[in-house]
């Protein structure tokens, strides 16, 4: 299994759960290479810039179990700038970054 770890990692994002029990993981390194469910994907300069801008607006850095009481909920985990937070309700400040990271899983 491939893994991106250490100081070269920009962000790690995971989404799991739902009715189908999915698990998606995206790790993006500082150079613009993403590991999407163990497959490498290259991000263009505009994609990296947009992702960095979206991540720069993330201020919710703590975990919460709100919304986790539903049987088919999704769990979102974002690791960025030394913080790892897990949420079941997607914070509004995460939305753009998560949309950009989710788009990588559809490539």
PDB file of N, CA and C in Angstrom:
ATOM      1  N   UNK A   1       0.839  -1.181   0.000  1.00  0.00           N
ATOM      2  CA  UNK A   1       0.000   0.000   0.000  1.00  0.00           C
ATOM      3  C   UNK A   1       0.885   1.245   0.000  1.00  0.00           C
ATOM      4  N   UNK A   2       0.583   2.177  -0.867  1.00  0.00           N
ATOM      5  CA  UNK A   2       1.298   3.440  -0.911  1.00  0.00           C
ATOM      6  C   UNK A   2       0.840   4.324   0.238  1.00  0.00           C
ATOM      7  N   UNK A   3       1.717   5.189   0.695  1.00  0.00           N
ATOM      8  CA  UNK A   3       1.321   6.109   1.763  1.00  0.00           C
ATOM      9  C   UNK A   3       2.114   7.395   1.651  1.00  0.00           C
ATOM     10  N   UNK A   4       1.454   8.494   1.883  1.00  0.00           N
ATOM     11  CA  UNK A   4       2.106   9.800   1.976  1.00  0.00           C
ATOM     12  C   UNK A   4       2.080  10.177   3.450  1.00  0.00           C
ATOM     13  N   UNK A   5       3.246  10.416   4.011  1.00  0.00           N
ATOM     14  CA  UNK A   5       3.317  10.808   5.409  1.00  0.00           C
ATOM     15  C   UNK A   5       4.390  11.863   5.579  1.00  0.00           C
ATOM     16  N   UNK A   6       4.401  12.473   6.722  1.00  0.00           N
ATOM     17  CA  UNK A   6       5.467  13.394   7.068  1.00  0.00           C
ATOM     18  C   UNK A   6       5.199  14.831   6.691  1.00  0.00           C
ATOM     19  N   UNK A   7       6.268  15.641   6.745  1.00  0.00           N
ATOM     20  CA  UNK A   7       6.122  17.088   6.555  1.00  0.00           C
ATOM     21  C   UNK A   7       5.734  17.499   5.132  1.00  0.00           C
ATOM     22  N   UNK A   8       5.845  16.603   4.167  1.00  0.00           N
ATOM     23  CA  UNK A   8       5.484  16.945   2.792  1.00  0.00           C
ATOM     24  C   UNK A   8       3.991  16.826   2.516  1.00  0.00           C
ATOM     25  N   UNK A   9       3.210  16.384   3.493  1.00  0.00           N
ATOM     26  CA  UNK A   9       1.773  16.232   3.307  1.00  0.00           C
ATOM     27  C   UNK A   9       1.080  17.570   3.562  1.00  0.00           C
ATOM     28  N   UNK A  10       0.279  17.994   2.606  1.00  0.00           N
ATOM     29  CA  UNK A  10      -0.517  19.211   2.751  1.00  0.00           C
ATOM     30  C   UNK A  10      -1.800  18.920   3.523  1.00  0.00           C
ATOM     31  N   UNK A  11      -2.530  17.898   3.097  1.00  0.00           N
ATOM     32  CA  UNK A  11      -3.829  17.594   3.707  1.00  0.00           C
ATOM     33  C   UNK A  11      -4.150  16.117   3.507  1.00  0.00           C
ATOM     34  N   UNK A  12      -4.872  15.565   4.466  1.00  0.00           N
ATOM     35  CA  UNK A  12      -5.444  14.229   4.336  1.00  0.00           C
ATOM     36  C   UNK A  12      -6.926  14.354   4.638  1.00  0.00           C
ATOM     37  N   UNK A  13      -7.723  13.725   3.794  1.00  0.00           N
ATOM     38  CA  UNK A  13      -9.180  13.780   3.917  1.00  0.00           C
ATOM     39  C   UNK A  13      -9.721  12.368   3.812  1.00  0.00           C
ATOM     40  N   UNK A  14     -10.678  12.036   4.676  1.00  0.00           N
ATOM     41  CA  UNK A  14     -11.349  10.740   4.607  1.00  0.00           C
ATOM     42  C   UNK A  14     -12.846  10.943   4.757  1.00  0.00           C
ATOM     43  N   UNK A  15     -13.589  10.161   3.985  1.00  0.00           N
ATOM     44  CA  UNK A  15     -15.046  10.119   4.145  1.00  0.00           C
ATOM     45  C   UNK A  15     -15.433   8.656   4.193  1.00  0.00           C
ATOM     46  N   UNK A  16     -16.200   8.303   5.196  1.00  0.00           N
ATOM     47  CA  UNK A  16     -16.633   6.917   5.319  1.00  0.00           C
ATOM     48  C   UNK A  16     -18.065   6.870   5.830  1.00  0.00           C
ATOM     49  N   UNK A  17     -18.679   5.720   5.621  1.00  0.00           N
ATOM     50  CA  UNK A  17     -20.035   5.501   6.119  1.00  0.00           C
ATOM     51  C   UNK A  17     -21.065   5.520   5.028  1.00  0.00           C
ATOM     52  N   UNK A  18     -22.233   5.991   5.381  1.00  0.00           N
ATOM     53  CA  UNK A  18     -23.345   5.987   4.446  1.00  0.00           C
ATOM     54  C   UNK A  18     -23.969   4.610   4.353  1.00  0.00           C
ATOM     55  N   UNK A  19     -25.053   4.531   3.634  1.00  0.00           N
ATOM     56  CA  UNK A  19     -25.789   3.276   3.484  1.00  0.00           C
ATOM     57  C   UNK A  19     -24.922   2.178   2.874  1.00  0.00           C
ATOM     58  N   UNK A  20     -24.065   2.557   1.913  1.00  0.00           N
ATOM     59  CA  UNK A  20     -23.225   1.571   1.221  1.00  0.00           C
ATOM     60  C   UNK A  20     -21.918   1.273   1.945  1.00  0.00           C
ATOM     61  N   UNK A  21     -21.631   1.983   3.022  1.00  0.00           N
ATOM     62  CA  UNK A  21     -20.408   1.735   3.778  1.00  0.00           C
ATOM     63  C   UNK A  21     -19.143   2.077   3.011  1.00  0.00           C
ATOM     64  N   UNK A  22     -19.117   3.212   2.350  1.00  0.00           N
ATOM     65  CA  UNK A  22     -17.960   3.591   1.542  1.00  0.00           C
ATOM     66  C   UNK A  22     -16.798   4.056   2.410  1.00  0.00           C
ATOM     67  N   UNK A  23     -15.615   4.049   1.834  1.00  0.00           N
ATOM     68  CA  UNK A  23     -14.440   4.641   2.477  1.00  0.00           C
ATOM     69  C   UNK A  23     -13.578   5.254   1.382  1.00  0.00           C
ATOM     70  N   UNK A  24     -13.408   6.571   1.457  1.00  0.00           N
ATOM     71  CA  UNK A  24     -12.567   7.285   0.503  1.00  0.00           C
ATOM     72  C   UNK A  24     -11.483   8.003   1.282  1.00  0.00           C
ATOM     73  N   UNK A  25     -10.281   7.959   0.747  1.00  0.00           N
ATOM     74  CA  UNK A  25      -9.172   8.659   1.399  1.00  0.00           C
ATOM     75  C   UNK A  25      -8.363   9.378   0.334  1.00  0.00           C
ATOM     76  N   UNK A  26      -8.059  10.658   0.606  1.00  0.00           N
ATOM     77  CA  UNK A  26      -7.256  11.477  -0.299  1.00  0.00           C
ATOM     78  C   UNK A  26      -6.160  12.132   0.532  1.00  0.00           C
ATOM     79  N   UNK A  27      -4.928  11.966   0.095  1.00  0.00           N
ATOM     80  CA  UNK A  27      -3.800  12.655   0.711  1.00  0.00           C
ATOM     81  C   UNK A  27      -3.100  13.437  -0.384  1.00  0.00           C
ATOM     82  N   UNK A  28      -2.900  14.725  -0.143  1.00  0.00           N
ATOM     83  CA  UNK A  28      -2.246  15.588  -1.128  1.00  0.00           C
ATOM     84  C   UNK A  28      -0.938  16.069  -0.524  1.00  0.00           C
ATOM     85  N   UNK A  29       0.149  15.909  -1.297  1.00  0.00           N
ATOM     86  CA  UNK A  29       1.428  16.407  -0.798  1.00  0.00           C
ATOM     87  C   UNK A  29       1.668  17.826  -1.295  1.00  0.00           C
ATOM     88  N   UNK A  30       2.704  18.439  -0.777  1.00  0.00           N
ATOM     89  CA  UNK A  30       2.993  19.845  -1.081  1.00  0.00           C
ATOM     90  C   UNK A  30       3.302  20.086  -2.556  1.00  0.00           C
ATOM     91  N   UNK A  31       3.755  19.069  -3.267  1.00  0.00           N
ATOM     92  CA  UNK A  31       4.114  19.241  -4.672  1.00  0.00           C
ATOM     93  C   UNK A  31       2.917  19.141  -5.616  1.00  0.00           C
ATOM     94  N   UNK A  32       1.760  18.721  -5.085  1.00  0.00           N
ATOM     95  CA  UNK A  32       0.585  18.608  -5.942  1.00  0.00           C
ATOM     96  C   UNK A  32       0.301  17.209  -6.422  1.00  0.00           C
ATOM     97  N   UNK A  33       0.883  16.230  -5.777  1.00  0.00           N
ATOM     98  CA  UNK A  33       0.562  14.844  -6.086  1.00  0.00           C
ATOM     99  C   UNK A  33      -0.406  14.344  -5.023  1.00  0.00           C
ATOM    100  N   UNK A  34      -1.491  13.746  -5.475  1.00  0.00           N
ATOM    101  CA  UNK A  34      -2.481  13.211  -4.547  1.00  0.00           C
ATOM    102  C   UNK A  34      -2.469  11.694  -4.604  1.00  0.00           C
ATOM    103  N   UNK A  35      -2.691  11.100  -3.474  1.00  0.00           N
ATOM    104  CA  UNK A  35      -2.890   9.667  -3.380  1.00  0.00           C
ATOM    105  C   UNK A  35      -4.370   9.490  -3.076  1.00  0.00           C
ATOM    106  N   UNK A  36      -5.100   8.988  -4.074  1.00  0.00           N
ATOM    107  CA  UNK A  36      -6.550   8.854  -3.970  1.00  0.00           C
ATOM    108  C   UNK A  36      -6.876   7.369  -3.932  1.00  0.00           C
ATOM    109  N   UNK A  37      -7.242   6.881  -2.754  1.00  0.00           N
ATOM    110  CA  UNK A  37      -7.511   5.453  -2.587  1.00  0.00           C
ATOM    111  C   UNK A  37      -6.394   4.607  -3.205  1.00  0.00           C
ATOM    112  N   UNK A  38      -5.157   4.955  -2.881  1.00  0.00           N
ATOM    113  CA  UNK A  38      -3.937   4.254  -3.304  1.00  0.00           C
ATOM    114  C   UNK A  38      -3.574   4.426  -4.775  1.00  0.00           C
ATOM    115  N   UNK A  39      -4.172   5.380  -5.474  1.00  0.00           N
ATOM    116  CA  UNK A  39      -3.787   5.689  -6.849  1.00  0.00           C
ATOM    117  C   UNK A  39      -3.278   7.118  -6.905  1.00  0.00           C
ATOM    118  N   UNK A  40      -2.152   7.333  -7.595  1.00  0.00           N
ATOM    119  CA  UNK A  40      -1.587   8.676  -7.706  1.00  0.00           C
ATOM    120  C   UNK A  40      -2.342   9.499  -8.744  1.00  0.00           C
ATOM    121  N   UNK A  41      -2.585  10.757  -8.375  1.00  0.00           N
ATOM    122  CA  UNK A  41      -3.260  11.717  -9.244  1.00  0.00           C
ATOM    123  C   UNK A  41      -2.475  13.021  -9.160  1.00  0.00           C
ATOM    124  N   UNK A  42      -2.179  13.618 -10.313  1.00  0.00           N
ATOM    125  CA  UNK A  42      -1.460  14.895 -10.336  1.00  0.00           C
ATOM    126  C   UNK A  42      -2.456  16.042 -10.378  1.00  0.00           C
ATOM    127  N   UNK A  43      -2.238  17.032  -9.528  1.00  0.00           N
ATOM    128  CA  UNK A  43      -3.059  18.235  -9.531  1.00  0.00           C
ATOM    129  C   UNK A  43      -2.336  19.312 -10.322  1.00  0.00           C
ATOM    130  N   UNK A  44      -3.085  20.051 -11.133  1.00  0.00           N
ATOM    131  CA  UNK A  44      -2.512  21.176 -11.864  1.00  0.00           C
ATOM    132  C   UNK A  44      -2.296  22.352 -10.923  1.00  0.00           C
ATOM    133  N   UNK A  45      -1.592  23.355 -11.411  1.00  0.00           N
ATOM    134  CA  UNK A  45      -1.285  24.534 -10.597  1.00  0.00           C
ATOM    135  C   UNK A  45      -2.556  25.234 -10.117  1.00  0.00           C
ATOM    136  N   UNK A  46      -3.554  25.355 -10.985  1.00  0.00           N
ATOM    137  CA  UNK A  46      -4.803  26.014 -10.602  1.00  0.00           C
ATOM    138  C   UNK A  46      -5.551  25.195  -9.548  1.00  0.00           C
ATOM    139  N   UNK A  47      -5.530  23.867  -9.689  1.00  0.00           N
ATOM    140  CA  UNK A  47      -6.182  23.009  -8.690  1.00  0.00           C
ATOM    141  C   UNK A  47      -5.510  23.155  -7.326  1.00  0.00           C
ATOM    142  N   UNK A  48      -4.173  23.168  -7.320  1.00  0.00           N
ATOM    143  CA  UNK A  48      -3.444  23.312  -6.053  1.00  0.00           C
ATOM    144  C   UNK A  48      -3.717  24.666  -5.424  1.00  0.00           C
ATOM    145  N   UNK A  49      -3.730  25.703  -6.232  1.00  0.00           N
ATOM    146  CA  UNK A  49      -4.000  27.040  -5.726  1.00  0.00           C
ATOM    147  C   UNK A  49      -5.401  27.112  -5.115  1.00  0.00           C
ATOM    148  N   UNK A  50      -6.380  26.566  -5.812  1.00  0.00           N
ATOM    149  CA  UNK A  50      -7.750  26.555  -5.315  1.00  0.00           C
ATOM    150  C   UNK A  50      -7.881  25.753  -4.032  1.00  0.00           C
ATOM    151  N   UNK A  51      -7.195  24.610  -3.976  1.00  0.00           N
ATOM    152  CA  UNK A  51      -7.237  23.779  -2.776  1.00  0.00           C
ATOM    153  C   UNK A  51      -6.589  24.506  -1.602  1.00  0.00           C
ATOM    154  N   UNK A  52      -5.429  25.091  -1.838  1.00  0.00           N
ATOM    155  CA  UNK A  52      -4.750  25.835  -0.756  1.00  0.00           C
ATOM    156  C   UNK A  52      -5.626  26.986  -0.247  1.00  0.00           C
ATOM    157  N   UNK A  53      -6.276  27.704  -1.163  1.00  0.00           N
ATOM    158  CA  UNK A  53      -7.156  28.800  -0.760  1.00  0.00           C
ATOM    159  C   UNK A  53      -8.331  28.283   0.071  1.00  0.00           C
ATOM    160  N   UNK A  54      -8.929  27.182  -0.381  1.00  0.00           N
ATOM    161  CA  UNK A  54     -10.060  26.600   0.351  1.00  0.00           C
ATOM    162  C   UNK A  54      -9.620  26.110   1.731  1.00  0.00           C
ATOM    163  N   UNK A  55      -8.468  25.477   1.803  1.00  0.00           N
ATOM    164  CA  UNK A  55      -7.955  25.005   3.092  1.00  0.00           C
ATOM    165  C   UNK A  55      -7.628  26.168   4.021  1.00  0.00           C
ATOM    166  N   UNK A  56      -7.199  27.274   3.450  1.00  0.00           N
ATOM    167  CA  UNK A  56      -6.880  28.448   4.251  1.00  0.00           C
ATOM    168  C   UNK A  56      -8.087  29.026   4.973  1.00  0.00           C
ATOM    169  N   UNK A  57      -9.284  28.675   4.515  1.00  0.00           N
ATOM    170  CA  UNK A  57     -10.515  29.156   5.155  1.00  0.00           C
ATOM    171  C   UNK A  57     -11.038  28.194   6.230  1.00  0.00           C
ATOM    172  N   UNK A  58     -10.367  27.056   6.401  1.00  0.00           N
ATOM    173  CA  UNK A  58     -10.789  26.090   7.420  1.00  0.00           C
ATOM    174  C   UNK A  58     -10.382  26.596   8.801  1.00  0.00           C
ATOM    175  N   UNK A  59     -11.369  26.781   9.655  1.00  0.00           N
ATOM    176  CA  UNK A  59     -11.106  27.212  11.030  1.00  0.00           C
ATOM    177  C   UNK A  59     -11.652  26.215  12.057  1.00  0.00           C
ATOM    178  N   UNK A  60     -12.497  25.295  11.627  1.00  0.00           N
ATOM    179  CA  UNK A  60     -13.035  24.285  12.526  1.00  0.00           C
ATOM    180  C   UNK A  60     -12.020  23.162  12.633  1.00  0.00           C
ATOM    181  N   UNK A  61     -11.329  23.108  13.760  1.00  0.00           N
ATOM    182  CA  UNK A  61     -10.224  22.144  13.919  1.00  0.00           C
ATOM    183  C   UNK A  61     -10.470  21.164  15.056  1.00  0.00           C
ATOM    184  N   UNK A  62     -11.706  21.076  15.529  1.00  0.00           N
ATOM    185  CA  UNK A  62     -12.020  20.153  16.608  1.00  0.00           C
ATOM    186  C   UNK A  62     -13.071  19.156  16.129  1.00  0.00           C
ATOM    187  N   UNK A  63     -13.086  17.993  16.749  1.00  0.00           N
ATOM    188  CA  UNK A  63     -14.036  16.936  16.401  1.00  0.00           C
ATOM    189  C   UNK A  63     -15.354  17.146  17.117  1.00  0.00           C
ATOM    190  N   UNK A  64     -16.409  16.572  16.546  1.00  0.00           N
ATOM    191  CA  UNK A  64     -17.735  16.632  17.149  1.00  0.00           C
ATOM    192  C   UNK A  64     -18.506  15.387  16.738  1.00  0.00           C
ATOM    193  N   UNK A  65     -19.334  14.881  17.645  1.00  0.00           N
ATOM    194  CA  UNK A  65     -20.173  13.725  17.325  1.00  0.00           C
ATOM    195  C   UNK A  65     -21.587  14.135  16.921  1.00  0.00           C
ATOM    196  N   UNK A  66     -21.846  15.444  16.815  1.00  0.00           N
ATOM    197  CA  UNK A  66     -23.159  15.906  16.362  1.00  0.00           C
ATOM    198  C   UNK A  66     -23.476  15.319  14.992  1.00  0.00           C
ATOM    199  N   UNK A  67     -24.659  14.770  14.836  1.00  0.00           N
ATOM    200  CA  UNK A  67     -25.090  14.192  13.569  1.00  0.00           C
ATOM    201  C   UNK A  67     -24.703  12.736  13.386  1.00  0.00           C
ATOM    202  N   UNK A  68     -23.962  12.183  14.325  1.00  0.00           N
ATOM    203  CA  UNK A  68     -23.504  10.792  14.209  1.00  0.00           C
ATOM    204  C   UNK A  68     -24.543   9.785  14.700  1.00  0.00           C
ATOM    205  N   UNK A  69     -25.670  10.261  15.198  1.00  0.00           N
ATOM    206  CA  UNK A  69     -26.678   9.372  15.764  1.00  0.00           C
ATOM    207  C   UNK A  69     -27.535   8.709  14.684  1.00  0.00           C
ATOM    208  N   UNK A  70     -27.351   9.074  13.439  1.00  0.00           N
ATOM    209  CA  UNK A  70     -28.108   8.501  12.326  1.00  0.00           C
ATOM    210  C   UNK A  70     -27.345   7.278  11.810  1.00  0.00           C
ATOM    211  N   UNK A  71     -28.060   6.195  11.572  1.00  0.00           N
ATOM    212  CA  UNK A  71     -27.413   4.928  11.195  1.00  0.00           C
ATOM    213  C   UNK A  71     -26.581   5.024   9.917  1.00  0.00           C
ATOM    214  N   UNK A  72     -27.008   5.797   8.952  1.00  0.00           N
ATOM    215  CA  UNK A  72     -26.288   5.829   7.667  1.00  0.00           C
ATOM    216  C   UNK A  72     -25.538   7.142   7.447  1.00  0.00           C
ATOM    217  N   UNK A  73     -25.047   7.751   8.532  1.00  0.00           N
ATOM    218  CA  UNK A  73     -24.328   9.019   8.417  1.00  0.00           C
ATOM    219  C   UNK A  73     -22.965   8.837   7.750  1.00  0.00           C
ATOM    220  N   UNK A  74     -22.436   9.931   7.239  1.00  0.00           N
ATOM    221  CA  UNK A  74     -21.063   9.962   6.757  1.00  0.00           C
ATOM    222  C   UNK A  74     -20.193  10.566   7.851  1.00  0.00           C
ATOM    223  N   UNK A  75     -18.973  10.096   7.936  1.00  0.00           N
ATOM    224  CA  UNK A  75     -17.984  10.658   8.839  1.00  0.00           C
ATOM    225  C   UNK A  75     -16.904  11.285   7.986  1.00  0.00           C
ATOM    226  N   UNK A  76     -16.598  12.548   8.255  1.00  0.00           N
ATOM    227  CA  UNK A  76     -15.579  13.296   7.521  1.00  0.00           C
ATOM    228  C   UNK A  76     -14.403  13.553   8.459  1.00  0.00           C
ATOM    229  N   UNK A  77     -13.200  13.246   8.006  1.00  0.00           N
ATOM    230  CA  UNK A  77     -12.001  13.522   8.792  1.00  0.00           C
ATOM    231  C   UNK A  77     -11.052  14.349   7.943  1.00  0.00           C
ATOM    232  N   UNK A  78     -10.608  15.450   8.497  1.00  0.00           N
ATOM    233  CA  UNK A  78      -9.693  16.351   7.799  1.00  0.00           C
ATOM    234  C   UNK A  78      -8.470  16.560   8.684  1.00  0.00           C
ATOM    235  N   UNK A  79      -7.302  16.307   8.114  1.00  0.00           N
ATOM    236  CA  UNK A  79      -6.042  16.536   8.819  1.00  0.00           C
ATOM    237  C   UNK A  79      -5.291  17.609   8.054  1.00  0.00           C
ATOM    238  N   UNK A  80      -5.078  18.743   8.722  1.00  0.00           N
ATOM    239  CA  UNK A  80      -4.477  19.897   8.067  1.00  0.00           C
ATOM    240  C   UNK A  80      -3.807  20.769   9.116  1.00  0.00           C
ATOM    241  N   UNK A  81      -2.594  21.212   8.818  1.00  0.00           N
ATOM    242  CA  UNK A  81      -1.831  22.094   9.712  1.00  0.00           C
ATOM    243  C   UNK A  81      -1.736  21.567  11.138  1.00  0.00           C
ATOM    244  N   UNK A  82      -1.478  20.280  11.265  1.00  0.00           N
ATOM    245  CA  UNK A  82      -1.283  19.686  12.579  1.00  0.00           C
ATOM    246  C   UNK A  82      -2.547  19.374  13.350  1.00  0.00           C
ATOM    247  N   UNK A  83      -3.708  19.606  12.752  1.00  0.00           N
ATOM    248  CA  UNK A  83      -4.983  19.318  13.403  1.00  0.00           C
ATOM    249  C   UNK A  83      -5.673  18.186  12.667  1.00  0.00           C
ATOM    250  N   UNK A  84      -6.274  17.285  13.428  1.00  0.00           N
ATOM    251  CA  UNK A  84      -7.079  16.208  12.855  1.00  0.00           C
ATOM    252  C   UNK A  84      -8.447  16.286  13.518  1.00  0.00           C
ATOM    253  N   UNK A  85      -9.473  16.482  12.699  1.00  0.00           N
ATOM    254  CA  UNK A  85     -10.826  16.604  13.233  1.00  0.00           C
ATOM    255  C   UNK A  85     -11.766  15.683  12.466  1.00  0.00           C
ATOM    256  N   UNK A  86     -12.696  15.098  13.192  1.00  0.00           N
ATOM    257  CA  UNK A  86     -13.701  14.219  12.611  1.00  0.00           C
ATOM    258  C   UNK A  86     -15.075  14.791  12.925  1.00  0.00           C
ATOM    259  N   UNK A  87     -15.902  14.874  11.909  1.00  0.00           N
ATOM    260  CA  UNK A  87     -17.248  15.436  12.031  1.00  0.00           C
ATOM    261  C   UNK A  87     -18.232  14.567  11.243  1.00  0.00           C
ATOM    262  N   UNK A  88     -19.483  14.556  11.670  1.00  0.00           N
ATOM    263  CA  UNK A  88     -20.546  13.888  10.913  1.00  0.00           C
ATOM    264  C   UNK A  88     -21.397  14.901  10.168  1.00  0.00           C
ATOM    265  N   UNK A  89     -21.431  16.112  10.672  1.00  0.00           N
ATOM    266  CA  UNK A  89     -22.056  17.226   9.957  1.00  0.00           C
ATOM    267  C   UNK A  89     -20.923  18.074   9.408  1.00  0.00           C
ATOM    268  N   UNK A  90     -20.918  18.272   8.112  1.00  0.00           N
ATOM    269  CA  UNK A  90     -19.834  18.983   7.449  1.00  0.00           C
ATOM    270  C   UNK A  90     -19.882  20.473   7.801  1.00  0.00           C
ATOM    271  N   UNK A  91     -18.841  20.991   8.474  1.00  0.00           N
ATOM    272  CA  UNK A  91     -18.820  22.417   8.784  1.00  0.00           C
ATOM    273  C   UNK A  91     -18.772  23.244   7.502  1.00  0.00           C
ATOM    274  N   UNK A  92     -19.410  24.396   7.511  1.00  0.00           N
ATOM    275  CA  UNK A  92     -19.475  25.224   6.305  1.00  0.00           C
ATOM    276  C   UNK A  92     -18.080  25.653   5.844  1.00  0.00           C
ATOM    277  N   UNK A  93     -17.147  25.857   6.774  1.00  0.00           N
ATOM    278  CA  UNK A  93     -15.806  26.272   6.374  1.00  0.00           C
ATOM    279  C   UNK A  93     -15.002  25.131   5.744  1.00  0.00           C
ATOM    280  N   UNK A  94     -15.454  23.906   5.877  1.00  0.00           N
ATOM    281  CA  UNK A  94     -14.808  22.752   5.234  1.00  0.00           C
ATOM    282  C   UNK A  94     -15.350  22.514   3.828  1.00  0.00           C
ATOM    283  N   UNK A  95     -16.550  23.016   3.549  1.00  0.00           N
ATOM    284  CA  UNK A  95     -17.288  22.613   2.348  1.00  0.00           C
ATOM    285  C   UNK A  95     -16.484  22.734   1.050  1.00  0.00           C
ATOM    286  N   UNK A  96     -15.880  23.875   0.779  1.00  0.00           N
ATOM    287  CA  UNK A  96     -15.166  24.037  -0.491  1.00  0.00           C
ATOM    288  C   UNK A  96     -13.965  23.105  -0.577  1.00  0.00           C
ATOM    289  N   UNK A  97     -13.212  22.969   0.492  1.00  0.00           N
ATOM    290  CA  UNK A  97     -12.055  22.068   0.486  1.00  0.00           C
ATOM    291  C   UNK A  97     -12.507  20.630   0.267  1.00  0.00           C
ATOM    292  N   UNK A  98     -13.559  20.222   0.954  1.00  0.00           N
ATOM    293  CA  UNK A  98     -14.074  18.855   0.807  1.00  0.00           C
ATOM    294  C   UNK A  98     -14.576  18.621  -0.611  1.00  0.00           C
ATOM    295  N   UNK A  99     -15.263  19.591  -1.198  1.00  0.00           N
ATOM    296  CA  UNK A  99     -15.733  19.435  -2.576  1.00  0.00           C
ATOM    297  C   UNK A  99     -14.561  19.245  -3.537  1.00  0.00           C
ATOM    298  N   UNK A 100     -13.489  19.987  -3.329  1.00  0.00           N
ATOM    299  CA  UNK A 100     -12.305  19.858  -4.182  1.00  0.00           C
ATOM    300  C   UNK A 100     -11.641  18.500  -3.983  1.00  0.00           C
ATOM    301  N   UNK A 101     -11.567  18.037  -2.743  1.00  0.00           N
ATOM    302  CA  UNK A 101     -10.954  16.735  -2.465  1.00  0.00           C
ATOM    303  C   UNK A 101     -11.831  15.596  -2.969  1.00  0.00           C
ATOM    304  N   UNK A 102     -13.138  15.716  -2.814  1.00  0.00           N
ATOM    305  CA  UNK A 102     -14.062  14.706  -3.339  1.00  0.00           C
ATOM    306  C   UNK A 102     -13.979  14.621  -4.860  1.00  0.00           C
ATOM    307  N   UNK A 103     -13.782  15.752  -5.517  1.00  0.00           N
ATOM    308  CA  UNK A 103     -13.668  15.756  -6.984  1.00  0.00           C
ATOM    309  C   UNK A 103     -12.493  14.886  -7.433  1.00  0.00           C
ATOM    310  N   UNK A 104     -11.444  14.837  -6.640  1.00  0.00           N
ATOM    311  CA  UNK A 104     -10.300  13.995  -6.991  1.00  0.00           C
ATOM    312  C   UNK A 104     -10.669  12.505  -6.973  1.00  0.00           C
ATOM    313  N   UNK A 105     -11.625  12.122  -6.146  1.00  0.00           N
ATOM    314  CA  UNK A 105     -12.018  10.715  -6.077  1.00  0.00           C
ATOM    315  C   UNK A 105     -12.843  10.290  -7.291  1.00  0.00           C
ATOM    316  N   UNK A 106     -13.319  11.263  -8.056  1.00  0.00           N
ATOM    317  CA  UNK A 106     -14.121  10.948  -9.248  1.00  0.00           C
ATOM    318  C   UNK A 106     -13.312  10.957 -10.526  1.00  0.00           C
ATOM    319  N   UNK A 107     -12.043  11.170 -10.444  1.00  0.00           N
ATOM    320  CA  UNK A 107     -11.200  11.191 -11.648  1.00  0.00           C
ATOM    321  C   UNK A 107     -10.973   9.802 -12.172  1.00  0.00           C
TER     322      UNK A 107
END
